[in-house]
Amino acid sequence: MPLTAPDAKIEKLLAGRHIAALGTANPDGSIQLTAVWYLYEDGSLYVATSSQLRKARNVAARPQASLMVDTRDGGADRGVTAIGRAELISGDAARAIALRLHRRYLSEAALADPQIGPGFAAFDDVVIRITPDRWLWWDTGEVDAAYFGGKLCATPGYILPLD
């Protein structure tokens, strides 16, 4: 379902710690998809990365991106895709955002490890900020209720387990 702003269920999903898929446009028009960690703050999505990687170069050249966050709960799957303008943030602002993002996914022990914390800080020298103008939401349970009377998700064995 297309939305112009996130509602409570989207905000709740984005507050969780999930792996997201970032989509950026390559020079030849194809789409690069990358699994990423993300941070959601004040209506924007952030992805820390290296300025040397394709996703950062793609955003610098073509400032549009999509980020998909989903859960895979064996039938009660739901997710959101944010589509909008993308920009690169660098310098102190990028370092501060990247640290907040790293704290979502890494323990304090990992961040304090002299190899891990400084390694992430050095690698992630820029942050991609996505300012969504469209949100797409889906929920397998809602589709099941509307079209299959709730039988698809409730009947064991109907949806096969993921590997």
N, C-alpha and C. Protein backbone atom coordinates (compact mmCIF):
# COMPACT_ATOMS: atom_id res chain seq x y z
N MET A 1 0.84 -1.17 0.00
CA MET A 1 0.00 0.00 0.00
C MET A 1 0.89 1.25 0.00
N PRO A 2 0.76 2.14 -0.99
CA PRO A 2 1.59 3.35 -1.03
C PRO A 2 1.14 4.38 0.01
N LEU A 3 2.10 4.98 0.68
CA LEU A 3 1.84 6.02 1.67
C LEU A 3 2.81 7.17 1.44
N THR A 4 2.43 8.37 1.85
CA THR A 4 3.34 9.51 1.72
C THR A 4 4.09 9.79 3.01
N ALA A 5 3.67 9.19 4.11
CA ALA A 5 4.36 9.36 5.38
C ALA A 5 4.25 8.05 6.16
N PRO A 6 5.24 7.76 6.99
CA PRO A 6 5.17 6.51 7.77
C PRO A 6 4.10 6.60 8.86
N ASP A 7 3.38 5.51 9.07
CA ASP A 7 2.42 5.47 10.16
C ASP A 7 3.03 4.68 11.32
N ALA A 8 2.23 4.41 12.35
CA ALA A 8 2.73 3.77 13.56
C ALA A 8 3.32 2.39 13.29
N LYS A 9 2.69 1.60 12.41
CA LYS A 9 3.21 0.25 12.16
C LYS A 9 4.55 0.31 11.42
N ILE A 10 4.72 1.28 10.54
CA ILE A 10 6.01 1.44 9.84
C ILE A 10 7.08 1.90 10.82
N GLU A 11 6.74 2.88 11.65
CA GLU A 11 7.71 3.36 12.64
C GLU A 11 8.13 2.24 13.58
N LYS A 12 7.20 1.39 13.98
CA LYS A 12 7.53 0.26 14.87
C LYS A 12 8.47 -0.71 14.17
N LEU A 13 8.20 -1.03 12.92
CA LEU A 13 9.08 -1.93 12.18
C LEU A 13 10.48 -1.33 12.04
N LEU A 14 10.55 -0.06 11.67
CA LEU A 14 11.85 0.58 11.47
C LEU A 14 12.64 0.73 12.76
N ALA A 15 11.96 0.74 13.90
CA ALA A 15 12.65 0.81 15.19
C ALA A 15 13.36 -0.49 15.52
N GLY A 16 12.97 -1.58 14.86
CA GLY A 16 13.61 -2.87 15.10
C GLY A 16 14.97 -2.96 14.43
N ARG A 17 15.73 -3.94 14.84
CA ARG A 17 17.05 -4.18 14.28
C ARG A 17 16.91 -5.29 13.23
N HIS A 18 16.95 -4.89 11.97
CA HIS A 18 16.80 -5.81 10.85
C HIS A 18 17.90 -5.54 9.83
N ILE A 19 18.07 -6.45 8.91
CA ILE A 19 18.92 -6.22 7.76
C ILE A 19 18.03 -5.64 6.67
N ALA A 20 18.48 -4.56 6.05
CA ALA A 20 17.72 -3.90 5.00
C ALA A 20 18.38 -4.17 3.66
N ALA A 21 17.66 -3.91 2.59
CA ALA A 21 18.21 -3.97 1.23
C ALA A 21 18.18 -2.56 0.65
N LEU A 22 19.36 -2.06 0.31
CA LEU A 22 19.50 -0.73 -0.28
C LEU A 22 19.60 -0.87 -1.79
N GLY A 23 18.77 -0.12 -2.52
CA GLY A 23 18.81 -0.10 -3.97
C GLY A 23 19.29 1.25 -4.48
N THR A 24 20.35 1.23 -5.31
CA THR A 24 20.84 2.44 -5.96
C THR A 24 21.01 2.14 -7.45
N ALA A 25 21.06 3.19 -8.26
CA ALA A 25 21.13 3.02 -9.72
C ALA A 25 22.58 3.04 -10.20
N ASN A 26 22.97 1.99 -10.90
CA ASN A 26 24.29 1.89 -11.52
C ASN A 26 24.35 2.77 -12.77
N PRO A 27 25.58 3.07 -13.25
CA PRO A 27 25.71 3.90 -14.46
C PRO A 27 24.99 3.35 -15.69
N ASP A 28 24.89 2.01 -15.79
CA ASP A 28 24.24 1.41 -16.96
C ASP A 28 22.72 1.30 -16.81
N GLY A 29 22.18 1.83 -15.71
CA GLY A 29 20.73 1.78 -15.49
C GLY A 29 20.26 0.59 -14.68
N SER A 30 21.12 -0.39 -14.47
CA SER A 30 20.74 -1.52 -13.63
C SER A 30 20.71 -1.07 -12.17
N ILE A 31 20.12 -1.88 -11.33
CA ILE A 31 19.99 -1.54 -9.92
C ILE A 31 20.97 -2.39 -9.11
N GLN A 32 21.71 -1.73 -8.23
CA GLN A 32 22.56 -2.45 -7.30
C GLN A 32 21.79 -2.61 -6.00
N LEU A 33 21.67 -3.85 -5.53
CA LEU A 33 21.04 -4.14 -4.25
C LEU A 33 22.11 -4.60 -3.28
N THR A 34 22.10 -4.03 -2.09
CA THR A 34 23.10 -4.34 -1.08
C THR A 34 22.41 -4.54 0.26
N ALA A 35 22.80 -5.60 0.97
CA ALA A 35 22.31 -5.80 2.34
C ALA A 35 23.05 -4.83 3.25
N VAL A 36 22.30 -4.09 4.08
CA VAL A 36 22.90 -3.05 4.91
C VAL A 36 22.25 -3.00 6.29
N TRP A 37 22.98 -2.41 7.23
CA TRP A 37 22.40 -1.96 8.49
C TRP A 37 21.86 -0.56 8.25
N TYR A 38 20.85 -0.17 9.02
CA TYR A 38 20.25 1.15 8.81
C TYR A 38 19.91 1.79 10.15
N LEU A 39 19.68 3.07 10.10
CA LEU A 39 19.21 3.86 11.23
C LEU A 39 18.05 4.71 10.73
N TYR A 40 16.96 4.75 11.48
CA TYR A 40 15.82 5.59 11.14
C TYR A 40 15.69 6.66 12.20
N GLU A 41 15.80 7.93 11.80
CA GLU A 41 15.67 9.06 12.72
C GLU A 41 14.98 10.22 12.01
N ASP A 42 14.02 10.81 12.68
CA ASP A 42 13.38 12.03 12.21
C ASP A 42 12.90 11.95 10.76
N GLY A 43 12.34 10.81 10.38
CA GLY A 43 11.77 10.66 9.05
C GLY A 43 12.76 10.31 7.95
N SER A 44 14.04 10.21 8.28
CA SER A 44 15.05 9.84 7.28
C SER A 44 15.68 8.51 7.65
N LEU A 45 16.21 7.84 6.64
CA LEU A 45 16.94 6.58 6.82
C LEU A 45 18.40 6.82 6.50
N TYR A 46 19.27 6.18 7.28
CA TYR A 46 20.71 6.38 7.14
C TYR A 46 21.41 5.03 6.98
N VAL A 47 22.39 5.02 6.09
CA VAL A 47 23.22 3.84 5.86
C VAL A 47 24.67 4.31 5.86
N ALA A 48 25.49 3.77 6.74
CA ALA A 48 26.91 4.11 6.78
C ALA A 48 27.65 3.22 5.79
N THR A 49 28.64 3.78 5.11
CA THR A 49 29.39 3.02 4.12
C THR A 49 30.72 3.69 3.83
N SER A 50 31.47 3.07 2.96
CA SER A 50 32.74 3.65 2.49
C SER A 50 32.48 4.49 1.24
N SER A 51 33.14 5.62 1.17
CA SER A 51 33.01 6.47 -0.02
C SER A 51 33.56 5.79 -1.27
N GLN A 52 34.32 4.73 -1.09
CA GLN A 52 34.91 4.01 -2.22
C GLN A 52 33.99 2.96 -2.83
N LEU A 53 32.89 2.65 -2.16
CA LEU A 53 32.02 1.58 -2.64
C LEU A 53 31.01 2.09 -3.66
N ARG A 54 30.53 1.16 -4.48
CA ARG A 54 29.60 1.46 -5.56
C ARG A 54 28.36 2.19 -5.07
N LYS A 55 27.79 1.78 -3.94
CA LYS A 55 26.55 2.42 -3.49
C LYS A 55 26.76 3.90 -3.22
N ALA A 56 27.89 4.28 -2.65
CA ALA A 56 28.17 5.69 -2.41
C ALA A 56 28.39 6.43 -3.73
N ARG A 57 29.13 5.83 -4.64
CA ARG A 57 29.36 6.46 -5.94
C ARG A 57 28.05 6.59 -6.71
N ASN A 58 27.19 5.59 -6.62
CA ASN A 58 25.89 5.67 -7.28
C ASN A 58 25.06 6.83 -6.75
N VAL A 59 25.03 6.99 -5.43
CA VAL A 59 24.25 8.09 -4.83
C VAL A 59 24.82 9.44 -5.23
N ALA A 60 26.15 9.55 -5.26
CA ALA A 60 26.78 10.81 -5.66
C ALA A 60 26.39 11.19 -7.09
N ALA A 61 26.28 10.20 -7.97
CA ALA A 61 25.98 10.46 -9.38
C ALA A 61 24.48 10.51 -9.68
N ARG A 62 23.70 9.73 -8.96
CA ARG A 62 22.25 9.63 -9.20
C ARG A 62 21.57 9.60 -7.82
N PRO A 63 21.15 10.76 -7.33
CA PRO A 63 20.71 10.89 -5.93
C PRO A 63 19.29 10.38 -5.64
N GLN A 64 19.05 9.14 -5.98
CA GLN A 64 17.80 8.46 -5.65
C GLN A 64 18.15 7.10 -5.06
N ALA A 65 17.33 6.61 -4.15
CA ALA A 65 17.56 5.28 -3.57
C ALA A 65 16.26 4.74 -3.01
N SER A 66 16.28 3.43 -2.79
CA SER A 66 15.19 2.74 -2.11
C SER A 66 15.80 1.90 -1.01
N LEU A 67 15.09 1.78 0.09
CA LEU A 67 15.54 0.92 1.18
C LEU A 67 14.36 0.08 1.62
N MET A 68 14.55 -1.25 1.60
CA MET A 68 13.50 -2.17 2.01
C MET A 68 13.89 -2.83 3.33
N VAL A 69 12.98 -2.79 4.29
CA VAL A 69 13.15 -3.46 5.57
C VAL A 69 11.99 -4.41 5.71
N ASP A 70 12.30 -5.68 6.01
CA ASP A 70 11.22 -6.64 6.17
C ASP A 70 11.53 -7.63 7.27
N THR A 71 10.47 -8.29 7.73
CA THR A 71 10.61 -9.39 8.68
C THR A 71 10.23 -10.66 7.95
N ARG A 72 10.79 -11.72 8.39
CA ARG A 72 10.47 -13.01 7.78
C ARG A 72 10.12 -13.97 8.90
N ASP A 73 8.82 -13.97 9.22
CA ASP A 73 8.34 -14.71 10.37
C ASP A 73 7.58 -15.97 9.99
N GLY A 74 7.88 -16.54 8.84
CA GLY A 74 7.23 -17.78 8.45
C GLY A 74 5.74 -17.65 8.22
N GLY A 75 5.32 -16.65 7.51
CA GLY A 75 3.91 -16.48 7.18
C GLY A 75 3.36 -15.15 7.66
N ALA A 76 3.90 -14.62 8.75
CA ALA A 76 3.45 -13.32 9.24
C ALA A 76 4.42 -12.24 8.77
N ASP A 77 4.87 -12.38 7.54
CA ASP A 77 5.87 -11.46 7.00
C ASP A 77 5.26 -10.08 6.77
N ARG A 78 6.08 -9.06 7.00
CA ARG A 78 5.64 -7.70 6.73
C ARG A 78 6.88 -6.88 6.42
N GLY A 79 6.67 -5.75 5.76
CA GLY A 79 7.82 -4.93 5.43
C GLY A 79 7.43 -3.60 4.86
N VAL A 80 8.45 -2.78 4.66
CA VAL A 80 8.26 -1.44 4.12
C VAL A 80 9.41 -1.13 3.18
N THR A 81 9.09 -0.41 2.13
CA THR A 81 10.11 0.13 1.24
C THR A 81 9.96 1.64 1.24
N ALA A 82 11.08 2.33 1.47
CA ALA A 82 11.12 3.79 1.42
C ALA A 82 11.81 4.16 0.11
N ILE A 83 11.23 5.10 -0.62
CA ILE A 83 11.75 5.52 -1.92
C ILE A 83 11.90 7.03 -1.88
N GLY A 84 13.08 7.52 -2.27
CA GLY A 84 13.21 8.97 -2.28
C GLY A 84 14.60 9.46 -2.62
N ARG A 85 14.81 10.72 -2.27
CA ARG A 85 16.06 11.40 -2.55
C ARG A 85 17.15 10.87 -1.63
N ALA A 86 18.35 10.70 -2.18
CA ALA A 86 19.49 10.23 -1.41
C ALA A 86 20.62 11.24 -1.51
N GLU A 87 21.36 11.38 -0.43
CA GLU A 87 22.51 12.28 -0.44
C GLU A 87 23.60 11.69 0.43
N LEU A 88 24.83 12.10 0.17
CA LEU A 88 25.97 11.67 0.96
C LEU A 88 26.28 12.71 2.02
N ILE A 89 26.51 12.24 3.23
CA ILE A 89 26.94 13.08 4.33
C ILE A 89 28.37 12.64 4.66
N SER A 90 29.25 13.60 4.90
CA SER A 90 30.63 13.27 5.23
C SER A 90 31.08 14.06 6.45
N GLY A 91 32.33 13.87 6.84
CA GLY A 91 32.91 14.63 7.94
C GLY A 91 32.36 14.24 9.30
N ASP A 92 32.37 15.22 10.22
CA ASP A 92 31.94 14.97 11.60
C ASP A 92 30.49 14.52 11.68
N ALA A 93 29.64 15.09 10.83
CA ALA A 93 28.23 14.70 10.84
C ALA A 93 28.08 13.22 10.49
N ALA A 94 28.83 12.76 9.49
CA ALA A 94 28.78 11.34 9.10
C ALA A 94 29.30 10.46 10.22
N ARG A 95 30.39 10.86 10.87
CA ARG A 95 30.95 10.05 11.95
C ARG A 95 29.96 9.90 13.10
N ALA A 96 29.26 10.98 13.44
CA ALA A 96 28.29 10.93 14.54
C ALA A 96 27.11 10.01 14.19
N ILE A 97 26.60 10.12 12.98
CA ILE A 97 25.48 9.27 12.56
C ILE A 97 25.94 7.81 12.49
N ALA A 98 27.12 7.57 11.92
CA ALA A 98 27.62 6.20 11.80
C ALA A 98 27.79 5.56 13.17
N LEU A 99 28.26 6.31 14.15
CA LEU A 99 28.41 5.75 15.49
C LEU A 99 27.05 5.36 16.07
N ARG A 100 26.04 6.20 15.90
CA ARG A 100 24.69 5.84 16.37
C ARG A 100 24.19 4.58 15.67
N LEU A 101 24.45 4.48 14.38
CA LEU A 101 24.05 3.31 13.61
C LEU A 101 24.80 2.07 14.09
N HIS A 102 26.11 2.18 14.28
CA HIS A 102 26.90 1.03 14.76
C HIS A 102 26.42 0.56 16.13
N ARG A 103 26.01 1.50 16.98
CA ARG A 103 25.52 1.12 18.32
C ARG A 103 24.20 0.34 18.25
N ARG A 104 23.47 0.46 17.14
CA ARG A 104 22.25 -0.34 16.97
C ARG A 104 22.57 -1.80 16.70
N TYR A 105 23.73 -2.07 16.10
CA TYR A 105 24.04 -3.43 15.64
C TYR A 105 25.22 -4.08 16.34
N LEU A 106 26.07 -3.30 16.99
CA LEU A 106 27.25 -3.84 17.65
C LEU A 106 27.18 -3.59 19.14
N SER A 107 27.65 -4.54 19.94
CA SER A 107 27.68 -4.38 21.39
C SER A 107 28.75 -3.35 21.77
N GLU A 108 28.65 -2.85 22.99
CA GLU A 108 29.67 -1.94 23.49
C GLU A 108 31.04 -2.63 23.51
N ALA A 109 31.06 -3.94 23.81
CA ALA A 109 32.32 -4.67 23.81
C ALA A 109 32.94 -4.68 22.41
N ALA A 110 32.12 -4.86 21.39
CA ALA A 110 32.63 -4.85 20.01
C ALA A 110 33.16 -3.46 19.65
N LEU A 111 32.42 -2.42 20.01
CA LEU A 111 32.86 -1.07 19.71
C LEU A 111 34.15 -0.70 20.45
N ALA A 112 34.33 -1.26 21.65
CA ALA A 112 35.54 -0.98 22.44
C ALA A 112 36.74 -1.81 21.99
N ASP A 113 36.49 -2.87 21.23
CA ASP A 113 37.60 -3.70 20.74
C ASP A 113 38.45 -2.86 19.80
N PRO A 114 39.78 -2.80 20.04
CA PRO A 114 40.63 -1.93 19.22
C PRO A 114 40.67 -2.28 17.73
N GLN A 115 40.24 -3.46 17.38
CA GLN A 115 40.20 -3.83 15.96
C GLN A 115 38.82 -3.54 15.36
N ILE A 116 37.78 -3.79 16.12
CA ILE A 116 36.42 -3.70 15.58
C ILE A 116 35.90 -2.26 15.52
N GLY A 117 35.81 -1.59 16.67
CA GLY A 117 35.26 -0.23 16.70
C GLY A 117 35.97 0.72 15.77
N PRO A 118 37.30 0.86 15.90
CA PRO A 118 38.02 1.76 14.99
C PRO A 118 37.96 1.29 13.53
N GLY A 119 37.86 -0.01 13.32
CA GLY A 119 37.76 -0.53 11.95
C GLY A 119 36.48 -0.07 11.27
N PHE A 120 35.36 -0.19 11.99
CA PHE A 120 34.10 0.30 11.43
C PHE A 120 34.14 1.80 11.23
N ALA A 121 34.69 2.53 12.21
CA ALA A 121 34.75 3.99 12.11
C ALA A 121 35.57 4.43 10.91
N ALA A 122 36.67 3.73 10.63
CA ALA A 122 37.52 4.10 9.49
C ALA A 122 36.88 3.71 8.16
N PHE A 123 36.24 2.56 8.12
CA PHE A 123 35.64 2.07 6.87
C PHE A 123 34.45 2.93 6.47
N ASP A 124 33.56 3.18 7.43
CA ASP A 124 32.32 3.92 7.15
C ASP A 124 32.58 5.43 7.23
N ASP A 125 33.19 5.99 6.17
CA ASP A 125 33.57 7.41 6.19
C ASP A 125 32.48 8.34 5.65
N VAL A 126 31.41 7.78 5.10
CA VAL A 126 30.27 8.58 4.65
C VAL A 126 28.98 7.89 5.08
N VAL A 127 27.91 8.66 5.07
CA VAL A 127 26.58 8.13 5.38
C VAL A 127 25.65 8.54 4.25
N ILE A 128 24.84 7.60 3.80
CA ILE A 128 23.80 7.89 2.83
C ILE A 128 22.53 8.22 3.62
N ARG A 129 21.96 9.40 3.35
CA ARG A 129 20.68 9.76 3.95
C ARG A 129 19.62 9.65 2.87
N ILE A 130 18.58 8.90 3.16
CA ILE A 130 17.44 8.77 2.26
C ILE A 130 16.28 9.53 2.88
N THR A 131 15.76 10.50 2.13
CA THR A 131 14.59 11.26 2.55
C THR A 131 13.42 10.75 1.71
N PRO A 132 12.62 9.86 2.29
CA PRO A 132 11.56 9.23 1.49
C PRO A 132 10.44 10.19 1.11
N ASP A 133 9.98 10.03 -0.13
CA ASP A 133 8.76 10.72 -0.53
C ASP A 133 7.63 9.73 -0.76
N ARG A 134 7.97 8.44 -0.75
CA ARG A 134 6.96 7.37 -0.85
C ARG A 134 7.34 6.23 0.06
N TRP A 135 6.33 5.61 0.64
CA TRP A 135 6.50 4.44 1.48
C TRP A 135 5.56 3.36 0.96
N LEU A 136 6.05 2.16 0.82
CA LEU A 136 5.22 1.02 0.42
C LEU A 136 5.23 0.01 1.56
N TRP A 137 4.06 -0.38 2.03
CA TRP A 137 3.92 -1.30 3.15
C TRP A 137 3.23 -2.57 2.68
N TRP A 138 3.66 -3.70 3.20
CA TRP A 138 2.94 -4.94 2.96
C TRP A 138 2.96 -5.77 4.22
N ASP A 139 1.94 -6.62 4.32
CA ASP A 139 1.79 -7.49 5.48
C ASP A 139 1.07 -8.75 4.99
N THR A 140 1.75 -9.87 5.06
CA THR A 140 1.16 -11.13 4.59
C THR A 140 -0.12 -11.45 5.35
N GLY A 141 -0.14 -11.14 6.64
CA GLY A 141 -1.34 -11.40 7.44
C GLY A 141 -2.53 -10.58 6.97
N GLU A 142 -2.30 -9.33 6.59
CA GLU A 142 -3.39 -8.48 6.08
C GLU A 142 -3.91 -9.01 4.75
N VAL A 143 -3.00 -9.43 3.88
CA VAL A 143 -3.40 -9.99 2.58
C VAL A 143 -4.16 -11.30 2.81
N ASP A 144 -3.65 -12.13 3.72
CA ASP A 144 -4.31 -13.40 4.03
C ASP A 144 -5.73 -13.15 4.53
N ALA A 145 -5.88 -12.22 5.45
CA ALA A 145 -7.22 -11.93 6.00
C ALA A 145 -8.17 -11.42 4.92
N ALA A 146 -7.67 -10.56 4.04
CA ALA A 146 -8.53 -9.95 3.02
C ALA A 146 -8.90 -10.92 1.91
N TYR A 147 -7.99 -11.80 1.53
CA TYR A 147 -8.23 -12.64 0.34
C TYR A 147 -8.42 -14.12 0.62
N PHE A 148 -7.90 -14.59 1.76
CA PHE A 148 -7.96 -16.03 2.02
C PHE A 148 -8.62 -16.37 3.35
N GLY A 149 -9.29 -15.40 3.96
CA GLY A 149 -10.00 -15.64 5.21
C GLY A 149 -9.11 -16.01 6.37
N GLY A 150 -7.83 -15.69 6.31
CA GLY A 150 -6.89 -16.02 7.38
C GLY A 150 -6.37 -17.43 7.33
N LYS A 151 -6.78 -18.19 6.33
CA LYS A 151 -6.42 -19.61 6.26
C LYS A 151 -4.97 -19.85 5.86
N LEU A 152 -4.42 -19.00 5.00
CA LEU A 152 -3.06 -19.21 4.49
C LEU A 152 -2.03 -19.22 5.61
N CYS A 153 -2.06 -18.22 6.48
CA CYS A 153 -1.07 -18.12 7.56
C CYS A 153 -1.39 -19.04 8.73
N ALA A 154 -2.65 -19.37 8.93
CA ALA A 154 -3.06 -20.16 10.08
C ALA A 154 -2.95 -21.67 9.87
N THR A 155 -2.86 -22.11 8.63
CA THR A 155 -2.83 -23.54 8.36
C THR A 155 -1.39 -24.04 8.28
N PRO A 156 -0.98 -24.87 9.23
CA PRO A 156 0.40 -25.38 9.20
C PRO A 156 0.71 -26.10 7.88
N GLY A 157 1.88 -25.80 7.35
CA GLY A 157 2.32 -26.45 6.13
C GLY A 157 1.93 -25.75 4.85
N TYR A 158 1.03 -24.75 4.91
CA TYR A 158 0.65 -24.06 3.68
C TYR A 158 1.79 -23.19 3.15
N ILE A 159 2.44 -22.48 4.05
CA ILE A 159 3.60 -21.68 3.65
C ILE A 159 4.84 -22.46 4.08
N LEU A 160 5.67 -22.78 3.12
CA LEU A 160 6.86 -23.58 3.41
C LEU A 160 7.92 -22.74 4.12
N PRO A 161 8.69 -23.36 4.99
CA PRO A 161 9.72 -22.61 5.73
C PRO A 161 10.83 -22.14 4.79
N LEU A 162 11.40 -21.00 5.13
CA LEU A 162 12.54 -20.49 4.37
C LEU A 162 13.81 -21.20 4.81
N ASP A 163 14.75 -21.30 3.92
CA ASP A 163 16.04 -21.90 4.26
C ASP A 163 16.94 -20.88 4.93
